[in-house]
C-alpha atoms as a PDB file:
ATOM      1  CA  MET A   1     -23.135  -3.079  18.128  1.00  0.00           C
ATOM      2  CA  ASN A   2     -25.215  -2.190  21.150  1.00  0.00           C
ATOM      3  CA  ASN A   3     -26.019   1.345  20.002  1.00  0.00           C
ATOM      4  CA  PRO A   4     -24.852   1.700  16.419  1.00  0.00           C
ATOM      5  CA  VAL A   5     -25.694   5.407  16.143  1.00  0.00           C
ATOM      6  CA  ALA A   6     -23.736   6.313  19.272  1.00  0.00           C
ATOM      7  CA  GLN A   7     -20.839   4.127  18.103  1.00  0.00           C
ATOM      8  CA  GLN A   8     -20.844   5.797  14.667  1.00  0.00           C
ATOM      9  CA  GLU A   9     -20.879   9.271  16.203  1.00  0.00           C
ATOM     10  CA  ARG A  10     -18.031   8.370  18.550  1.00  0.00           C
ATOM     11  CA  ILE A  11     -15.927   7.070  15.654  1.00  0.00           C
ATOM     12  CA  ALA A  12     -16.713  10.113  13.492  1.00  0.00           C
ATOM     13  CA  LYS A  13     -15.604  12.551  16.207  1.00  0.00           C
ATOM     14  CA  MET A  14     -12.438  10.639  17.159  1.00  0.00           C
ATOM     15  CA  LYS A  15      -9.318  12.531  16.113  1.00  0.00           C
ATOM     16  CA  PHE A  16      -7.163  10.707  13.593  1.00  0.00           C
ATOM     17  CA  SER A  17      -4.114  12.309  15.201  1.00  0.00           C
ATOM     18  CA  SER A  18      -4.920  10.576  18.494  1.00  0.00           C
ATOM     19  CA  VAL A  19      -5.188   7.149  16.855  1.00  0.00           C
ATOM     20  CA  TYR A  20      -2.197   7.420  14.509  1.00  0.00           C
ATOM     21  CA  PRO A  21       0.401   7.069  17.337  1.00  0.00           C
ATOM     22  CA  LEU A  22      -1.432   3.924  18.498  1.00  0.00           C
ATOM     23  CA  TYR A  23      -1.256   2.479  14.978  1.00  0.00           C
ATOM     24  CA  LEU A  24       2.439   3.367  14.825  1.00  0.00           C
ATOM     25  CA  ALA A  25       3.213   1.799  18.209  1.00  0.00           C
ATOM     26  CA  LYS A  26       1.356  -1.363  17.202  1.00  0.00           C
ATOM     27  CA  VAL A  27       3.272  -1.858  13.961  1.00  0.00           C
ATOM     28  CA  GLU A  28       6.677  -0.836  15.360  1.00  0.00           C
ATOM     29  CA  LYS A  29       6.246  -3.292  18.242  1.00  0.00           C
ATOM     30  CA  LYS A  30       5.999  -6.001  15.584  1.00  0.00           C
ATOM     31  CA  GLY A  31       9.063  -4.808  13.651  1.00  0.00           C
ATOM     32  CA  ARG A  32       7.320  -2.772  10.945  1.00  0.00           C
ATOM     33  CA  THR A  33       8.134   0.864  10.146  1.00  0.00           C
ATOM     34  CA  LYS A  34       6.427   4.264  10.036  1.00  0.00           C
ATOM     35  CA  ASP A  35       7.053   4.323   6.287  1.00  0.00           C
ATOM     36  CA  GLU A  36       5.185   1.033   5.898  1.00  0.00           C
ATOM     37  CA  LEU A  37       2.301   2.331   8.008  1.00  0.00           C
ATOM     38  CA  ASP A  38       2.156   5.517   5.944  1.00  0.00           C
ATOM     39  CA  GLN A  39       2.253   3.455   2.737  1.00  0.00           C
ATOM     40  CA  VAL A  40      -0.784   1.465   3.868  1.00  0.00           C
ATOM     41  CA  ILE A  41      -2.692   4.612   4.888  1.00  0.00           C
ATOM     42  CA  THR A  42      -1.858   6.482   1.682  1.00  0.00           C
ATOM     43  CA  TRP A  43      -2.840   3.445  -0.408  1.00  0.00           C
ATOM     44  CA  LEU A  44      -6.275   3.335   1.237  1.00  0.00           C
ATOM     45  CA  THR A  45      -6.957   7.078   1.294  1.00  0.00           C
ATOM     46  CA  GLY A  46      -5.209   8.446  -1.788  1.00  0.00           C
ATOM     47  CA  TYR A  47      -3.322  10.997   0.324  1.00  0.00           C
ATOM     48  CA  ASP A  48       0.383  11.532  -0.149  1.00  0.00           C
ATOM     49  CA  THR A  49       2.627  11.515   2.929  1.00  0.00           C
ATOM     50  CA  LYS A  50       2.742  15.333   3.019  1.00  0.00           C
ATOM     51  CA  LYS A  51      -1.070  15.609   3.103  1.00  0.00           C
ATOM     52  CA  LEU A  52      -1.248  12.804   5.674  1.00  0.00           C
ATOM     53  CA  GLN A  53       1.099  14.731   7.967  1.00  0.00           C
ATOM     54  CA  GLU A  54      -0.909  17.948   7.442  1.00  0.00           C
ATOM     55  CA  LEU A  55      -4.111  16.187   8.510  1.00  0.00           C
ATOM     56  CA  ILE A  56      -2.373  14.789  11.586  1.00  0.00           C
ATOM     57  CA  ASN A  57      -1.051  18.261  12.462  1.00  0.00           C
ATOM     58  CA  GLU A  58      -4.508  19.808  11.961  1.00  0.00           C
ATOM     59  CA  GLY A  59      -6.068  17.273  14.325  1.00  0.00           C
ATOM     60  CA  VAL A  60      -8.895  16.323  11.979  1.00  0.00           C
ATOM     61  CA  ASN A  61     -11.453  13.781  13.104  1.00  0.00           C
ATOM     62  CA  PHE A  62     -12.132  10.535  11.241  1.00  0.00           C
ATOM     63  CA  GLU A  63     -15.199  12.010   9.560  1.00  0.00           C
ATOM     64  CA  THR A  64     -13.162  14.807   7.959  1.00  0.00           C
ATOM     65  CA  PHE A  65     -10.226  12.470   7.315  1.00  0.00           C
ATOM     66  CA  PHE A  66     -12.345  10.126   5.200  1.00  0.00           C
ATOM     67  CA  GLN A  67     -14.557  12.843   3.644  1.00  0.00           C
ATOM     68  CA  GLN A  68     -11.439  14.332   2.052  1.00  0.00           C
ATOM     69  CA  ALA A  69     -10.002  10.954   1.053  1.00  0.00           C
ATOM     70  CA  THR A  70     -10.319   9.182  -2.270  1.00  0.00           C
ATOM     71  CA  LEU A  71     -10.707   5.563  -1.247  1.00  0.00           C
ATOM     72  CA  HIS A  72      -8.670   3.096  -3.287  1.00  0.00           C
ATOM     73  CA  PRO A  73     -10.799   1.268  -5.887  1.00  0.00           C
ATOM     74  CA  ASN A  74      -9.723  -2.070  -4.367  1.00  0.00           C
ATOM     75  CA  ALA A  75     -10.712  -1.126  -0.807  1.00  0.00           C
ATOM     76  CA  HIS A  76     -13.792  -3.346  -1.175  1.00  0.00           C
ATOM     77  CA  LEU A  77     -11.400  -6.318  -1.295  1.00  0.00           C
ATOM     78  CA  ILE A  78     -10.539  -5.751   2.385  1.00  0.00           C
ATOM     79  CA  THR A  79     -12.402  -8.498   4.210  1.00  0.00           C
ATOM     80  CA  GLY A  80     -12.274 -10.327   7.499  1.00  0.00           C
ATOM     81  CA  LEU A  81     -12.920  -9.734  11.168  1.00  0.00           C
ATOM     82  CA  ILE A  82     -11.960  -6.607  13.058  1.00  0.00           C
ATOM     83  CA  CYS A  83     -13.269  -5.806  16.536  1.00  0.00           C
ATOM     84  CA  GLY A  84     -15.621  -8.789  16.203  1.00  0.00           C
ATOM     85  CA  TYR A  85     -17.302  -7.554  13.011  1.00  0.00           C
ATOM     86  CA  ARG A  86     -16.818  -8.553   9.390  1.00  0.00           C
ATOM     87  CA  VAL A  87     -15.600  -5.388   7.670  1.00  0.00           C
ATOM     88  CA  GLU A  88     -17.348  -6.280   4.420  1.00  0.00           C
ATOM     89  CA  GLU A  89     -20.723  -6.424   6.225  1.00  0.00           C
ATOM     90  CA  ILE A  90     -20.524  -3.046   8.014  1.00  0.00           C
ATOM     91  CA  GLU A  91     -23.299  -0.902   6.577  1.00  0.00           C
ATOM     92  CA  HIS A  92     -22.316   2.566   7.792  1.00  0.00           C
ATOM     93  CA  PRO A  93     -19.775   3.917   5.251  1.00  0.00           C
ATOM     94  CA  LEU A  94     -17.566   5.867   7.680  1.00  0.00           C
ATOM     95  CA  THR A  95     -17.455   3.046  10.205  1.00  0.00           C
ATOM     96  CA  GLN A  96     -16.555   0.634   7.405  1.00  0.00           C
ATOM     97  CA  GLN A  97     -13.762   2.918   6.171  1.00  0.00           C
ATOM     98  CA  VAL A  98     -12.280   3.232   9.656  1.00  0.00           C
ATOM     99  CA  ARG A  99     -12.460  -0.549  10.083  1.00  0.00           C
ATOM    100  CA  TYR A 100     -10.773  -0.982   6.679  1.00  0.00           C
ATOM    101  CA  LEU A 101      -7.900   1.061   8.054  1.00  0.00           C
ATOM    102  CA  ASP A 102      -7.873  -0.923  11.304  1.00  0.00           C
ATOM    103  CA  LYS A 103      -7.763  -4.163   9.308  1.00  0.00           C
ATOM    104  CA  LEU A 104      -4.844  -2.979   7.168  1.00  0.00           C
ATOM    105  CA  VAL A 105      -2.902  -1.916  10.262  1.00  0.00           C
ATOM    106  CA  ASP A 106      -3.605  -5.319  11.852  1.00  0.00           C
ATOM    107  CA  GLU A 107      -2.348  -7.116   8.765  1.00  0.00           C
ATOM    108  CA  LEU A 108       0.795  -4.984   8.728  1.00  0.00           C
ATOM    109  CA  ALA A 109       1.431  -5.719  12.402  1.00  0.00           C
ATOM    110  CA  LYS A 110       0.902  -9.440  11.816  1.00  0.00           C
ATOM    111  CA  GLY A 111       3.712  -9.453   9.265  1.00  0.00           C
ATOM    112  CA  LYS A 112       1.649  -9.900   6.134  1.00  0.00           C
ATOM    113  CA  LYS A 113       3.504  -9.068   2.919  1.00  0.00           C
ATOM    114  CA  MET A 114       2.875  -5.558   1.608  1.00  0.00           C
ATOM    115  CA  GLU A 115       1.689  -6.881  -1.785  1.00  0.00           C
ATOM    116  CA  LYS A 116      -1.103  -8.800  -0.037  1.00  0.00           C
ATOM    117  CA  ILE A 117      -2.044  -5.901   2.235  1.00  0.00           C
ATOM    118  CA  LEU A 118      -2.352  -3.504  -0.706  1.00  0.00           C
ATOM    119  CA  ARG A 119      -4.626  -5.881  -2.627  1.00  0.00           C
ATOM    120  CA  GLY A 120      -3.363  -4.970  -5.975  1.00  0.00           C
END
């Protein structure tokens, strides 16, 4: 990352509600559903679908979104490249959590089986 602090601040301030429709469009374009996307997000964050929708409606940023979340105990098993970086090597916790989510959405869009995505 050219300026990791600026990148981290940008990610932290980004509204989850502005990114969610992009995630949804990406997975639907590949034949997956909103329910599957929500399942992946709720698995990672510990939110139920009602709370997820509340956070979207409130327009929370990623920092708040992940501060309130209870990350799944197996989240550390999410590995691989996303945006040119290995998610398991990202040192900044919030950036890593956002990239975990990006990686799960990518795997969903690529047609990976839900059992593999949810690392359980």
